[in-house]
Amino acid sequence: MKYLIVGLGNIGDEYRDTRHNIGFRVLDAFAKASNIVFGDGRYGATATLLLKGRQLILLKPSTYMNLSGNAVRYWMQQEKIPLENVLIVVDDLALPFGTLRLKGKGSDAGHNGLKHIAAILGTQNYARLRFGIGNDFPRGGQIDFVLGHFTEKDLETMDERVAVAIDMIRSFCLAGIDITMNQYNKK
Protein backbone atom coordinates (compact mmCIF):
# COMPACT_ATOMS: atom_id res chain seq x y z
CA MET A 1 0.00 0.00 0.00
CA LYS A 2 1.22 3.46 -0.92
CA TYR A 3 0.51 6.72 0.87
CA LEU A 4 1.17 10.28 -0.23
CA ILE A 5 1.95 12.60 2.67
CA VAL A 6 2.03 16.21 1.52
CA GLY A 7 3.44 18.98 3.69
CA LEU A 8 2.28 22.37 2.45
CA GLY A 9 4.65 25.31 2.33
CA ASN A 10 6.44 27.75 0.07
CA ILE A 11 9.90 27.21 -1.37
CA GLY A 12 12.64 29.77 -0.94
CA ASP A 13 14.75 31.11 1.90
CA GLU A 14 12.35 33.98 2.59
CA TYR A 15 9.68 31.47 3.61
CA ARG A 16 11.88 29.05 5.57
CA ASP A 17 10.59 28.44 9.10
CA THR A 18 7.51 30.64 8.67
CA ARG A 19 4.17 29.64 10.15
CA HIS A 20 2.79 28.95 6.66
CA ASN A 21 5.56 26.36 6.15
CA ILE A 22 4.66 24.12 9.08
CA GLY A 23 3.87 21.32 6.61
CA PHE A 24 7.45 21.42 5.33
CA ARG A 25 8.74 21.52 8.91
CA VAL A 26 6.79 18.40 9.92
CA LEU A 27 7.94 16.43 6.85
CA ASP A 28 11.56 17.54 7.31
CA ALA A 29 11.44 16.26 10.89
CA PHE A 30 9.79 13.00 9.76
CA ALA A 31 12.49 12.46 7.13
CA LYS A 32 15.26 13.22 9.63
CA ALA A 33 13.76 10.82 12.20
CA SER A 34 13.55 8.15 9.48
CA ASN A 35 17.13 8.73 8.22
CA ILE A 36 15.96 9.58 4.71
CA VAL A 37 16.64 12.64 2.58
CA PHE A 38 14.54 14.57 0.11
CA GLY A 39 15.46 14.60 -3.54
CA ASP A 40 14.23 17.09 -6.11
CA GLY A 41 11.54 15.76 -8.40
CA ARG A 42 8.78 17.01 -10.60
CA TYR A 43 6.56 19.51 -8.77
CA GLY A 44 8.47 19.11 -5.52
CA ALA A 45 10.95 17.40 -3.26
CA THR A 46 10.16 13.81 -2.33
CA ALA A 47 11.44 11.20 0.08
CA THR A 48 10.23 7.62 0.38
CA LEU A 49 10.18 5.40 3.43
CA LEU A 50 8.84 2.00 4.31
CA LEU A 51 6.67 1.65 7.40
CA LYS A 52 5.57 -1.90 8.29
CA GLY A 53 4.99 -2.91 4.68
CA ARG A 54 3.56 0.42 3.60
CA GLN A 55 5.34 2.84 1.29
CA LEU A 56 5.09 6.49 2.33
CA ILE A 57 5.97 9.13 -0.21
CA LEU A 58 6.64 12.44 1.51
CA LEU A 59 6.11 15.44 -0.76
CA LYS A 60 7.03 19.07 -0.27
CA PRO A 61 5.51 20.82 -3.32
CA SER A 62 7.67 23.30 -5.22
CA THR A 63 4.60 24.90 -6.79
CA TYR A 64 4.14 27.52 -4.05
CA MET A 65 1.15 27.26 -1.76
CA ASN A 66 -1.48 28.61 -4.16
CA LEU A 67 -0.77 25.90 -6.76
CA SER A 68 -0.30 22.92 -4.41
CA GLY A 69 -3.02 20.91 -6.16
CA ASN A 70 -0.82 20.49 -9.24
CA ALA A 71 1.82 18.64 -7.22
CA VAL A 72 -0.74 16.55 -5.34
CA ARG A 73 -2.50 15.45 -8.54
CA TYR A 74 0.78 14.68 -10.34
CA TRP A 75 2.15 12.46 -7.55
CA MET A 76 -1.19 10.73 -6.97
CA GLN A 77 -1.29 9.82 -10.66
CA GLN A 78 2.43 9.05 -10.95
CA GLU A 79 2.38 6.65 -7.98
CA LYS A 80 -1.24 5.46 -8.45
CA ILE A 81 -2.24 6.50 -4.94
CA PRO A 82 -5.96 6.58 -4.16
CA LEU A 83 -7.48 9.67 -2.55
CA GLU A 84 -8.10 7.84 0.74
CA ASN A 85 -4.31 7.31 1.07
CA VAL A 86 -3.49 11.01 0.73
CA LEU A 87 -2.82 13.19 3.78
CA ILE A 88 -2.18 16.94 3.61
CA VAL A 89 -0.27 18.56 6.50
CA VAL A 90 -1.31 22.20 6.72
CA ASP A 91 -1.12 25.27 8.95
CA ASP A 92 -4.38 26.42 10.55
CA LEU A 93 -5.12 29.91 11.90
CA ALA A 94 -8.32 28.78 13.63
CA LEU A 95 -6.45 26.52 16.08
CA PRO A 96 -4.25 27.62 18.98
CA PHE A 97 -0.55 27.03 18.44
CA GLY A 98 0.38 23.34 18.55
CA THR A 99 -3.18 22.02 18.44
CA LEU A 100 -3.39 19.11 16.01
CA ARG A 101 -6.61 18.00 14.31
CA LEU A 102 -7.01 15.24 11.76
CA LYS A 103 -10.05 15.46 9.48
CA GLY A 104 -11.21 13.27 6.62
CA LYS A 105 -12.79 16.15 4.72
CA GLY A 106 -13.82 19.74 5.16
CA SER A 107 -13.74 23.22 3.78
CA ASP A 108 -10.56 25.05 2.87
CA ALA A 109 -11.30 27.63 5.64
CA GLY A 110 -9.76 30.30 3.43
CA HIS A 111 -6.46 28.43 3.03
CA ASN A 112 -5.27 28.92 -0.54
CA GLY A 113 -3.32 25.66 -0.64
CA LEU A 114 -6.34 23.60 0.39
CA LYS A 115 -8.55 25.63 -1.95
CA HIS A 116 -6.33 24.76 -4.93
CA ILE A 117 -6.08 21.09 -3.97
CA ALA A 118 -9.89 20.86 -3.77
CA ALA A 119 -10.26 22.63 -7.12
CA ILE A 120 -7.77 20.35 -8.87
CA LEU A 121 -9.03 17.11 -7.30
CA GLY A 122 -12.68 18.12 -7.67
CA THR A 123 -13.46 17.28 -4.05
CA GLN A 124 -12.88 18.42 -0.48
CA ASN A 125 -13.03 14.80 0.71
CA TYR A 126 -9.34 14.30 1.39
CA ALA A 127 -7.59 13.90 4.74
CA ARG A 128 -5.79 16.82 6.26
CA LEU A 129 -3.75 17.16 9.42
CA ARG A 130 -4.29 20.70 10.64
CA PHE A 131 -1.44 22.14 12.74
CA GLY A 132 -2.56 25.14 14.77
CA ILE A 133 -0.41 28.24 14.34
CA GLY A 134 -2.60 30.54 16.46
CA ASN A 135 -4.17 33.80 15.40
CA ASP A 136 -2.51 36.48 17.50
CA PHE A 137 -2.49 39.20 14.87
CA PRO A 138 -4.19 42.58 14.46
CA ARG A 139 -7.13 43.05 12.13
CA GLY A 140 -5.90 42.90 8.55
CA GLY A 141 -2.58 41.37 9.63
CA GLN A 142 -3.27 37.79 8.61
CA ILE A 143 -0.81 37.64 5.70
CA ASP A 144 2.06 39.09 7.73
CA PHE A 145 1.24 36.66 10.55
CA VAL A 146 1.23 33.47 8.47
CA LEU A 147 4.38 34.54 6.62
CA GLY A 148 6.02 35.52 9.92
CA HIS A 149 8.14 33.41 12.22
CA PHE A 150 7.12 31.55 15.34
CA THR A 151 7.58 33.20 18.72
CA GLU A 152 10.15 32.00 21.24
CA LYS A 153 7.26 30.65 23.33
CA ASP A 154 5.99 28.62 20.33
CA LEU A 155 9.46 27.26 19.65
CA GLU A 156 9.74 25.94 23.24
CA THR A 157 7.12 23.27 22.46
CA MET A 158 7.62 23.02 18.69
CA ASP A 159 9.67 19.80 18.69
CA GLU A 160 7.15 18.01 20.92
CA ARG A 161 4.17 19.12 18.79
CA VAL A 162 5.95 18.14 15.56
CA ALA A 163 6.73 14.72 17.08
CA VAL A 164 3.02 14.23 17.83
CA ALA A 165 2.18 15.22 14.24
CA ILE A 166 4.62 12.56 13.00
CA ASP A 167 2.99 9.98 15.29
CA MET A 168 -0.38 10.95 13.81
CA ILE A 169 0.93 10.49 10.26
CA ARG A 170 2.24 7.03 11.14
CA SER A 171 -1.07 6.13 12.78
CA PHE A 172 -3.02 7.39 9.73
CA CYS A 173 -1.02 5.00 7.53
CA LEU A 174 -1.05 2.02 9.90
CA ALA A 175 -4.38 2.22 11.75
CA GLY A 176 -6.50 4.41 9.48
CA ILE A 177 -8.11 7.79 9.83
CA ASP A 178 -10.96 6.89 12.21
CA ILE A 179 -8.76 5.27 14.85
CA THR A 180 -6.22 8.09 14.54
CA MET A 181 -8.87 10.79 14.93
CA ASN A 182 -10.32 9.02 17.98
CA GLN A 183 -6.91 8.63 19.57
CA TYR A 184 -5.42 12.07 18.88
CA ASN A 185 -8.14 14.66 18.25
CA LYS A 186 -9.29 14.58 21.87
CA LYS A 187 -5.90 15.65 23.21
C-alpha atoms as a PDB file:
ATOM      1  CA  MET A   1       0.000   0.000   0.000  1.00  0.00           C
ATOM      2  CA  LYS A   2       1.222   3.459  -0.921  1.00  0.00           C
ATOM      3  CA  TYR A   3       0.511   6.724   0.867  1.00  0.00           C
ATOM      4  CA  LEU A   4       1.168  10.283  -0.230  1.00  0.00           C
ATOM      5  CA  ILE A   5       1.950  12.595   2.671  1.00  0.00           C
ATOM      6  CA  VAL A   6       2.030  16.211   1.523  1.00  0.00           C
ATOM      7  CA  GLY A   7       3.435  18.981   3.691  1.00  0.00           C
ATOM      8  CA  LEU A   8       2.283  22.372   2.454  1.00  0.00           C
ATOM      9  CA  GLY A   9       4.650  25.312   2.327  1.00  0.00           C
ATOM     10  CA  ASN A  10       6.436  27.747   0.067  1.00  0.00           C
ATOM     11  CA  ILE A  11       9.898  27.206  -1.372  1.00  0.00           C
ATOM     12  CA  GLY A  12      12.641  29.773  -0.945  1.00  0.00           C
ATOM     13  CA  ASP A  13      14.755  31.105   1.904  1.00  0.00           C
ATOM     14  CA  GLU A  14      12.349  33.983   2.587  1.00  0.00           C
ATOM     15  CA  TYR A  15       9.678  31.466   3.613  1.00  0.00           C
ATOM     16  CA  ARG A  16      11.883  29.047   5.569  1.00  0.00           C
ATOM     17  CA  ASP A  17      10.587  28.442   9.101  1.00  0.00           C
ATOM     18  CA  THR A  18       7.512  30.643   8.668  1.00  0.00           C
ATOM     19  CA  ARG A  19       4.165  29.645  10.149  1.00  0.00           C
ATOM     20  CA  HIS A  20       2.787  28.951   6.661  1.00  0.00           C
ATOM     21  CA  ASN A  21       5.557  26.358   6.152  1.00  0.00           C
ATOM     22  CA  ILE A  22       4.658  24.118   9.083  1.00  0.00           C
ATOM     23  CA  GLY A  23       3.875  21.315   6.614  1.00  0.00           C
ATOM     24  CA  PHE A  24       7.454  21.422   5.331  1.00  0.00           C
ATOM     25  CA  ARG A  25       8.740  21.522   8.912  1.00  0.00           C
ATOM     26  CA  VAL A  26       6.786  18.397   9.916  1.00  0.00           C
ATOM     27  CA  LEU A  27       7.942  16.433   6.852  1.00  0.00           C
ATOM     28  CA  ASP A  28      11.564  17.544   7.307  1.00  0.00           C
ATOM     29  CA  ALA A  29      11.441  16.262  10.894  1.00  0.00           C
ATOM     30  CA  PHE A  30       9.787  13.001   9.762  1.00  0.00           C
ATOM     31  CA  ALA A  31      12.486  12.458   7.127  1.00  0.00           C
ATOM     32  CA  LYS A  32      15.259  13.216   9.626  1.00  0.00           C
ATOM     33  CA  ALA A  33      13.764  10.820  12.204  1.00  0.00           C
ATOM     34  CA  SER A  34      13.547   8.149   9.475  1.00  0.00           C
ATOM     35  CA  ASN A  35      17.128   8.729   8.222  1.00  0.00           C
ATOM     36  CA  ILE A  36      15.963   9.581   4.706  1.00  0.00           C
ATOM     37  CA  VAL A  37      16.636  12.644   2.580  1.00  0.00           C
ATOM     38  CA  PHE A  38      14.537  14.572   0.112  1.00  0.00           C
ATOM     39  CA  GLY A  39      15.456  14.599  -3.543  1.00  0.00           C
ATOM     40  CA  ASP A  40      14.235  17.088  -6.108  1.00  0.00           C
ATOM     41  CA  GLY A  41      11.539  15.759  -8.396  1.00  0.00           C
ATOM     42  CA  ARG A  42       8.777  17.012 -10.602  1.00  0.00           C
ATOM     43  CA  TYR A  43       6.561  19.507  -8.769  1.00  0.00           C
ATOM     44  CA  GLY A  44       8.470  19.109  -5.520  1.00  0.00           C
ATOM     45  CA  ALA A  45      10.951  17.401  -3.262  1.00  0.00           C
ATOM     46  CA  THR A  46      10.156  13.809  -2.326  1.00  0.00           C
ATOM     47  CA  ALA A  47      11.442  11.202   0.082  1.00  0.00           C
ATOM     48  CA  THR A  48      10.235   7.620   0.378  1.00  0.00           C
ATOM     49  CA  LEU A  49      10.184   5.399   3.428  1.00  0.00           C
ATOM     50  CA  LEU A  50       8.837   1.997   4.312  1.00  0.00           C
ATOM     51  CA  LEU A  51       6.667   1.648   7.398  1.00  0.00           C
ATOM     52  CA  LYS A  52       5.573  -1.898   8.289  1.00  0.00           C
ATOM     53  CA  GLY A  53       4.990  -2.913   4.678  1.00  0.00           C
ATOM     54  CA  ARG A  54       3.557   0.424   3.598  1.00  0.00           C
ATOM     55  CA  GLN A  55       5.337   2.841   1.289  1.00  0.00           C
ATOM     56  CA  LEU A  56       5.092   6.490   2.332  1.00  0.00           C
ATOM     57  CA  ILE A  57       5.966   9.129  -0.206  1.00  0.00           C
ATOM     58  CA  LEU A  58       6.640  12.437   1.510  1.00  0.00           C
ATOM     59  CA  LEU A  59       6.112  15.437  -0.759  1.00  0.00           C
ATOM     60  CA  LYS A  60       7.034  19.074  -0.273  1.00  0.00           C
ATOM     61  CA  PRO A  61       5.509  20.818  -3.318  1.00  0.00           C
ATOM     62  CA  SER A  62       7.671  23.296  -5.216  1.00  0.00           C
ATOM     63  CA  THR A  63       4.599  24.897  -6.788  1.00  0.00           C
ATOM     64  CA  TYR A  64       4.141  27.516  -4.048  1.00  0.00           C
ATOM     65  CA  MET A  65       1.154  27.260  -1.762  1.00  0.00           C
ATOM     66  CA  ASN A  66      -1.484  28.608  -4.158  1.00  0.00           C
ATOM     67  CA  LEU A  67      -0.774  25.897  -6.758  1.00  0.00           C
ATOM     68  CA  SER A  68      -0.303  22.922  -4.410  1.00  0.00           C
ATOM     69  CA  GLY A  69      -3.021  20.914  -6.157  1.00  0.00           C
ATOM     70  CA  ASN A  70      -0.822  20.487  -9.239  1.00  0.00           C
ATOM     71  CA  ALA A  71       1.823  18.643  -7.223  1.00  0.00           C
ATOM     72  CA  VAL A  72      -0.735  16.547  -5.343  1.00  0.00           C
ATOM     73  CA  ARG A  73      -2.500  15.447  -8.537  1.00  0.00           C
ATOM     74  CA  TYR A  74       0.775  14.684 -10.337  1.00  0.00           C
ATOM     75  CA  TRP A  75       2.153  12.463  -7.548  1.00  0.00           C
ATOM     76  CA  MET A  76      -1.187  10.732  -6.969  1.00  0.00           C
ATOM     77  CA  GLN A  77      -1.292   9.822 -10.659  1.00  0.00           C
ATOM     78  CA  GLN A  78       2.425   9.046 -10.950  1.00  0.00           C
ATOM     79  CA  GLU A  79       2.380   6.654  -7.983  1.00  0.00           C
ATOM     80  CA  LYS A  80      -1.240   5.458  -8.453  1.00  0.00           C
ATOM     81  CA  ILE A  81      -2.235   6.501  -4.942  1.00  0.00           C
ATOM     82  CA  PRO A  82      -5.965   6.577  -4.158  1.00  0.00           C
ATOM     83  CA  LEU A  83      -7.476   9.665  -2.553  1.00  0.00           C
ATOM     84  CA  GLU A  84      -8.103   7.838   0.736  1.00  0.00           C
ATOM     85  CA  ASN A  85      -4.314   7.313   1.073  1.00  0.00           C
ATOM     86  CA  VAL A  86      -3.486  11.013   0.730  1.00  0.00           C
ATOM     87  CA  LEU A  87      -2.823  13.189   3.779  1.00  0.00           C
ATOM     88  CA  ILE A  88      -2.182  16.941   3.611  1.00  0.00           C
ATOM     89  CA  VAL A  89      -0.270  18.556   6.503  1.00  0.00           C
ATOM     90  CA  VAL A  90      -1.307  22.198   6.716  1.00  0.00           C
ATOM     91  CA  ASP A  91      -1.119  25.273   8.948  1.00  0.00           C
ATOM     92  CA  ASP A  92      -4.378  26.421  10.551  1.00  0.00           C
ATOM     93  CA  LEU A  93      -5.122  29.905  11.905  1.00  0.00           C
ATOM     94  CA  ALA A  94      -8.318  28.775  13.627  1.00  0.00           C
ATOM     95  CA  LEU A  95      -6.453  26.523  16.075  1.00  0.00           C
ATOM     96  CA  PRO A  96      -4.246  27.622  18.985  1.00  0.00           C
ATOM     97  CA  PHE A  97      -0.546  27.033  18.443  1.00  0.00           C
ATOM     98  CA  GLY A  98       0.382  23.345  18.550  1.00  0.00           C
ATOM     99  CA  THR A  99      -3.181  22.018  18.441  1.00  0.00           C
ATOM    100  CA  LEU A 100      -3.394  19.109  16.011  1.00  0.00           C
ATOM    101  CA  ARG A 101      -6.610  17.999  14.307  1.00  0.00           C
ATOM    102  CA  LEU A 102      -7.011  15.239  11.761  1.00  0.00           C
ATOM    103  CA  LYS A 103     -10.045  15.457   9.478  1.00  0.00           C
ATOM    104  CA  GLY A 104     -11.213  13.268   6.619  1.00  0.00           C
ATOM    105  CA  LYS A 105     -12.794  16.150   4.718  1.00  0.00           C
ATOM    106  CA  GLY A 106     -13.824  19.743   5.164  1.00  0.00           C
ATOM    107  CA  SER A 107     -13.743  23.215   3.778  1.00  0.00           C
ATOM    108  CA  ASP A 108     -10.564  25.049   2.873  1.00  0.00           C
ATOM    109  CA  ALA A 109     -11.304  27.629   5.635  1.00  0.00           C
ATOM    110  CA  GLY A 110      -9.762  30.305   3.435  1.00  0.00           C
ATOM    111  CA  HIS A 111      -6.460  28.428   3.035  1.00  0.00           C
ATOM    112  CA  ASN A 112      -5.272  28.920  -0.539  1.00  0.00           C
ATOM    113  CA  GLY A 113      -3.317  25.662  -0.636  1.00  0.00           C
ATOM    114  CA  LEU A 114      -6.345  23.600   0.395  1.00  0.00           C
ATOM    115  CA  LYS A 115      -8.550  25.633  -1.948  1.00  0.00           C
ATOM    116  CA  HIS A 116      -6.331  24.765  -4.935  1.00  0.00           C
ATOM    117  CA  ILE A 117      -6.076  21.086  -3.973  1.00  0.00           C
ATOM    118  CA  ALA A 118      -9.891  20.858  -3.774  1.00  0.00           C
ATOM    119  CA  ALA A 119     -10.260  22.631  -7.123  1.00  0.00           C
ATOM    120  CA  ILE A 120      -7.767  20.346  -8.870  1.00  0.00           C
ATOM    121  CA  LEU A 121      -9.028  17.110  -7.299  1.00  0.00           C
ATOM    122  CA  GLY A 122     -12.675  18.122  -7.670  1.00  0.00           C
ATOM    123  CA  THR A 123     -13.458  17.283  -4.048  1.00  0.00           C
ATOM    124  CA  GLN A 124     -12.885  18.421  -0.479  1.00  0.00           C
ATOM    125  CA  ASN A 125     -13.027  14.800   0.707  1.00  0.00           C
ATOM    126  CA  TYR A 126      -9.344  14.297   1.395  1.00  0.00           C
ATOM    127  CA  ALA A 127      -7.591  13.896   4.741  1.00  0.00           C
ATOM    128  CA  ARG A 128      -5.789  16.821   6.261  1.00  0.00           C
ATOM    129  CA  LEU A 129      -3.752  17.164   9.423  1.00  0.00           C
ATOM    130  CA  ARG A 130      -4.293  20.704  10.643  1.00  0.00           C
ATOM    131  CA  PHE A 131      -1.444  22.138  12.737  1.00  0.00           C
ATOM    132  CA  GLY A 132      -2.563  25.143  14.767  1.00  0.00           C
ATOM    133  CA  ILE A 133      -0.412  28.238  14.342  1.00  0.00           C
ATOM    134  CA  GLY A 134      -2.602  30.536  16.457  1.00  0.00           C
ATOM    135  CA  ASN A 135      -4.166  33.801  15.400  1.00  0.00           C
ATOM    136  CA  ASP A 136      -2.505  36.482  17.499  1.00  0.00           C
ATOM    137  CA  PHE A 137      -2.488  39.202  14.874  1.00  0.00           C
ATOM    138  CA  PRO A 138      -4.188  42.582  14.464  1.00  0.00           C
ATOM    139  CA  ARG A 139      -7.131  43.047  12.135  1.00  0.00           C
ATOM    140  CA  GLY A 140      -5.895  42.899   8.551  1.00  0.00           C
ATOM    141  CA  GLY A 141      -2.581  41.372   9.627  1.00  0.00           C
ATOM    142  CA  GLN A 142      -3.269  37.791   8.606  1.00  0.00           C
ATOM    143  CA  ILE A 143      -0.809  37.640   5.701  1.00  0.00           C
ATOM    144  CA  ASP A 144       2.060  39.088   7.731  1.00  0.00           C
ATOM    145  CA  PHE A 145       1.244  36.663  10.551  1.00  0.00           C
ATOM    146  CA  VAL A 146       1.235  33.468   8.467  1.00  0.00           C
ATOM    147  CA  LEU A 147       4.377  34.544   6.624  1.00  0.00           C
ATOM    148  CA  GLY A 148       6.019  35.524   9.919  1.00  0.00           C
ATOM    149  CA  HIS A 149       8.144  33.410  12.221  1.00  0.00           C
ATOM    150  CA  PHE A 150       7.120  31.546  15.340  1.00  0.00           C
ATOM    151  CA  THR A 151       7.577  33.196  18.718  1.00  0.00           C
ATOM    152  CA  GLU A 152      10.153  31.995  21.237  1.00  0.00           C
ATOM    153  CA  LYS A 153       7.259  30.648  23.328  1.00  0.00           C
ATOM    154  CA  ASP A 154       5.993  28.620  20.331  1.00  0.00           C
ATOM    155  CA  LEU A 155       9.463  27.262  19.647  1.00  0.00           C
ATOM    156  CA  GLU A 156       9.738  25.941  23.236  1.00  0.00           C
ATOM    157  CA  THR A 157       7.117  23.267  22.462  1.00  0.00           C
ATOM    158  CA  MET A 158       7.621  23.022  18.689  1.00  0.00           C
ATOM    159  CA  ASP A 159       9.668  19.799  18.693  1.00  0.00           C
ATOM    160  CA  GLU A 160       7.152  18.008  20.917  1.00  0.00           C
ATOM    161  CA  ARG A 161       4.170  19.120  18.785  1.00  0.00           C
ATOM    162  CA  VAL A 162       5.952  18.142  15.556  1.00  0.00           C
ATOM    163  CA  ALA A 163       6.725  14.723  17.082  1.00  0.00           C
ATOM    164  CA  VAL A 164       3.017  14.226  17.833  1.00  0.00           C
ATOM    165  CA  ALA A 165       2.180  15.224  14.239  1.00  0.00           C
ATOM    166  CA  ILE A 166       4.618  12.559  13.005  1.00  0.00           C
ATOM    167  CA  ASP A 167       2.986   9.979  15.287  1.00  0.00           C
ATOM    168  CA  MET A 168      -0.385  10.954  13.810  1.00  0.00           C
ATOM    169  CA  ILE A 169       0.928  10.491  10.260  1.00  0.00           C
ATOM    170  CA  ARG A 170       2.241   7.027  11.143  1.00  0.00           C
ATOM    171  CA  SER A 171      -1.069   6.133  12.777  1.00  0.00           C
ATOM    172  CA  PHE A 172      -3.017   7.393   9.734  1.00  0.00           C
ATOM    173  CA  CYS A 173      -1.024   5.002   7.534  1.00  0.00           C
ATOM    174  CA  LEU A 174      -1.047   2.023   9.902  1.00  0.00           C
ATOM    175  CA  ALA A 175      -4.383   2.217  11.753  1.00  0.00           C
ATOM    176  CA  GLY A 176      -6.503   4.413   9.482  1.00  0.00           C
ATOM    177  CA  ILE A 177      -8.114   7.786   9.826  1.00  0.00           C
ATOM    178  CA  ASP A 178     -10.956   6.891  12.206  1.00  0.00           C
ATOM    179  CA  ILE A 179      -8.764   5.270  14.853  1.00  0.00           C
ATOM    180  CA  THR A 180      -6.219   8.087  14.539  1.00  0.00           C
ATOM    181  CA  MET A 181      -8.869  10.789  14.935  1.00  0.00           C
ATOM    182  CA  ASN A 182     -10.321   9.019  17.980  1.00  0.00           C
ATOM    183  CA  GLN A 183      -6.907   8.629  19.568  1.00  0.00           C
ATOM    184  CA  TYR A 184      -5.423  12.066  18.879  1.00  0.00           C
ATOM    185  CA  ASN A 185      -8.138  14.657  18.251  1.00  0.00           C
ATOM    186  CA  LYS A 186      -9.288  14.583  21.875  1.00  0.00           C
ATOM    187  CA  LYS A 187      -5.902  15.653  23.206  1.00  0.00           C
END
